[in-house]
């Protein structure tokens, strides 16, 4: 189940909130950094598994999971509008527990993921809340 704490905001407020909420990791040692990188890579694999489970084996044509590493406790997913369904969002949210409780997942939704020109809107899942752009919120109703 998605968190009840749900904020619907305009795109500029979404961007500001997303920036302000970034939890930038600071590493006391190379070991700490390697631990973060391994945890982050594992979360990417879990996200892939969830997306594949919801979209099928052709998920790479319907979704793009950014694998670049930034130490901001954030994973990024671009997905086709037809695949952005509450069960998928709930499964992604379920990952944000245990060792991933401090993470968030940004989901950008497109009408056509391959064209990348039909942006619908973004949302970000946190362990305890969801922030959604107004344009995407109307699509997600009734949530």
Protein backbone atom coordinates (compact mmCIF):
# COMPACT_ATOMS: atom_id res chain seq x y z
CA UNK A 1 0.00 0.00 0.00
CA UNK A 2 1.22 3.49 -0.82
CA UNK A 3 1.64 5.95 2.05
CA UNK A 4 -1.39 8.07 2.94
CA UNK A 5 0.86 11.12 3.13
CA UNK A 6 0.59 12.32 -0.45
CA UNK A 7 1.46 15.81 -1.66
CA UNK A 8 0.32 16.97 -5.07
CA UNK A 9 2.41 19.89 -6.30
CA UNK A 10 3.07 21.98 -9.39
CA UNK A 11 6.15 21.02 -11.45
CA UNK A 12 8.33 23.87 -10.14
CA UNK A 13 7.46 23.02 -6.54
CA UNK A 14 8.16 19.35 -7.30
CA UNK A 15 11.63 20.20 -8.60
CA UNK A 16 12.43 22.40 -5.59
CA UNK A 17 11.17 19.79 -3.12
CA UNK A 18 13.07 17.03 -4.89
CA UNK A 19 16.29 19.04 -4.72
CA UNK A 20 15.77 20.08 -1.10
CA UNK A 21 14.96 16.54 0.06
CA UNK A 22 18.13 15.01 -1.40
CA UNK A 23 20.01 13.00 1.22
CA UNK A 24 23.61 13.24 0.03
CA UNK A 25 25.75 10.47 1.46
CA UNK A 26 29.00 11.39 3.12
CA UNK A 27 31.61 8.67 3.44
CA UNK A 28 34.02 8.40 6.32
CA UNK A 29 36.07 5.78 4.49
CA UNK A 30 36.49 3.92 1.22
CA UNK A 31 34.74 0.98 2.89
CA UNK A 32 31.69 3.14 3.64
CA UNK A 33 31.59 4.28 0.03
CA UNK A 34 31.91 0.71 -1.28
CA UNK A 35 29.11 -0.39 1.04
CA UNK A 36 26.86 2.39 -0.27
CA UNK A 37 27.68 1.48 -3.88
CA UNK A 38 26.92 -2.20 -3.29
CA UNK A 39 23.60 -1.42 -1.59
CA UNK A 40 22.68 0.98 -4.40
CA UNK A 41 23.52 -1.62 -7.07
CA UNK A 42 21.40 -4.19 -5.25
CA UNK A 43 18.43 -1.79 -5.16
CA UNK A 44 18.77 -1.31 -8.92
CA UNK A 45 18.50 -5.08 -9.37
CA UNK A 46 15.44 -5.22 -7.13
CA UNK A 47 13.79 -2.42 -9.11
CA UNK A 48 14.53 -4.27 -12.36
CA UNK A 49 12.92 -7.40 -10.94
CA UNK A 50 9.80 -5.47 -9.89
CA UNK A 51 9.48 -3.68 -13.24
CA UNK A 52 10.02 -6.91 -15.18
CA UNK A 53 7.39 -8.63 -13.02
CA UNK A 54 4.85 -5.95 -13.89
CA UNK A 55 5.82 -5.22 -17.51
CA UNK A 56 7.06 -8.60 -18.72
CA UNK A 57 10.25 -9.65 -20.41
CA UNK A 58 10.13 -6.71 -22.81
CA UNK A 59 10.32 -4.30 -19.87
CA UNK A 60 13.47 -2.66 -21.25
CA UNK A 61 11.39 -1.34 -24.16
CA UNK A 62 8.73 0.01 -21.77
CA UNK A 63 10.89 1.31 -18.94
CA UNK A 64 14.35 2.72 -18.37
CA UNK A 65 16.06 2.26 -15.04
CA UNK A 66 18.92 4.71 -14.68
CA UNK A 67 21.95 2.91 -13.29
CA UNK A 68 24.29 5.88 -12.87
CA UNK A 69 25.55 6.28 -9.34
CA UNK A 70 24.99 9.48 -7.40
CA UNK A 71 25.31 9.32 -3.64
CA UNK A 72 21.88 10.89 -3.07
CA UNK A 73 19.88 7.84 -1.95
CA UNK A 74 17.76 8.11 -5.10
CA UNK A 75 16.95 5.64 -7.86
CA UNK A 76 15.38 6.79 -11.11
CA UNK A 77 12.82 5.12 -13.33
CA UNK A 78 11.30 6.30 -16.61
CA UNK A 79 8.20 4.34 -17.53
CA UNK A 80 5.45 4.30 -20.11
CA UNK A 81 2.09 5.67 -19.01
CA UNK A 82 0.39 2.36 -19.80
CA UNK A 83 2.62 0.61 -17.27
CA UNK A 84 2.36 3.16 -14.47
CA UNK A 85 -0.23 1.38 -12.37
CA UNK A 86 -0.86 1.36 -8.64
CA UNK A 87 0.28 -2.30 -8.20
CA UNK A 88 3.68 -1.41 -9.74
CA UNK A 89 3.99 1.70 -7.56
CA UNK A 90 3.08 -0.31 -4.46
CA UNK A 91 5.69 -2.95 -5.30
CA UNK A 92 8.35 -0.27 -5.80
CA UNK A 93 7.34 1.40 -2.55
CA UNK A 94 7.64 -1.94 -0.73
CA UNK A 95 11.37 -1.90 -1.58
CA UNK A 96 11.84 1.25 0.53
CA UNK A 97 12.17 -0.61 3.81
CA UNK A 98 14.97 -2.16 5.82
CA UNK A 99 18.34 -1.20 4.39
CA UNK A 100 16.60 1.01 1.78
CA UNK A 101 14.43 3.05 4.17
CA UNK A 102 16.48 6.19 3.50
CA UNK A 103 16.13 5.85 -0.27
CA UNK A 104 13.58 7.33 -2.63
CA UNK A 105 12.52 6.41 -6.15
CA UNK A 106 11.73 9.06 -8.73
CA UNK A 107 9.37 7.88 -11.44
CA UNK A 108 9.00 9.91 -14.64
CA UNK A 109 6.04 8.88 -16.76
CA UNK A 110 5.87 9.24 -20.55
CA UNK A 111 3.15 8.50 -23.08
CA UNK A 112 5.82 6.86 -25.24
CA UNK A 113 8.95 5.89 -23.34
CA UNK A 114 10.99 5.30 -26.49
CA UNK A 115 10.22 8.72 -27.97
CA UNK A 116 10.77 10.48 -24.65
CA UNK A 117 8.77 13.41 -25.96
CA UNK A 118 5.42 12.76 -24.32
CA UNK A 119 6.18 13.62 -20.71
CA UNK A 120 3.15 13.14 -18.45
CA UNK A 121 4.68 13.96 -15.06
CA UNK A 122 6.83 12.78 -12.16
CA UNK A 123 6.42 11.40 -8.72
CA UNK A 124 8.80 10.42 -5.98
CA UNK A 125 8.21 7.56 -3.59
CA UNK A 126 9.64 7.80 -0.09
CA UNK A 127 9.22 5.25 2.66
CA UNK A 128 6.70 7.48 4.43
CA UNK A 129 5.22 9.72 1.71
CA UNK A 130 4.62 10.34 -1.98
CA UNK A 131 5.08 13.61 -3.87
CA UNK A 132 3.29 13.82 -7.22
CA UNK A 133 3.20 16.48 -9.94
CA UNK A 134 -0.31 17.73 -10.65
CA UNK A 135 -0.22 16.47 -14.26
CA UNK A 136 0.49 12.91 -13.14
CA UNK A 137 -1.90 12.97 -10.19
CA UNK A 138 -4.97 13.20 -12.39
CA UNK A 139 -3.78 10.11 -14.26
CA UNK A 140 -3.25 8.14 -11.03
CA UNK A 141 -6.76 8.69 -9.69
CA UNK A 142 -8.26 7.05 -7.77
CA UNK A 143 -5.26 6.70 -5.46
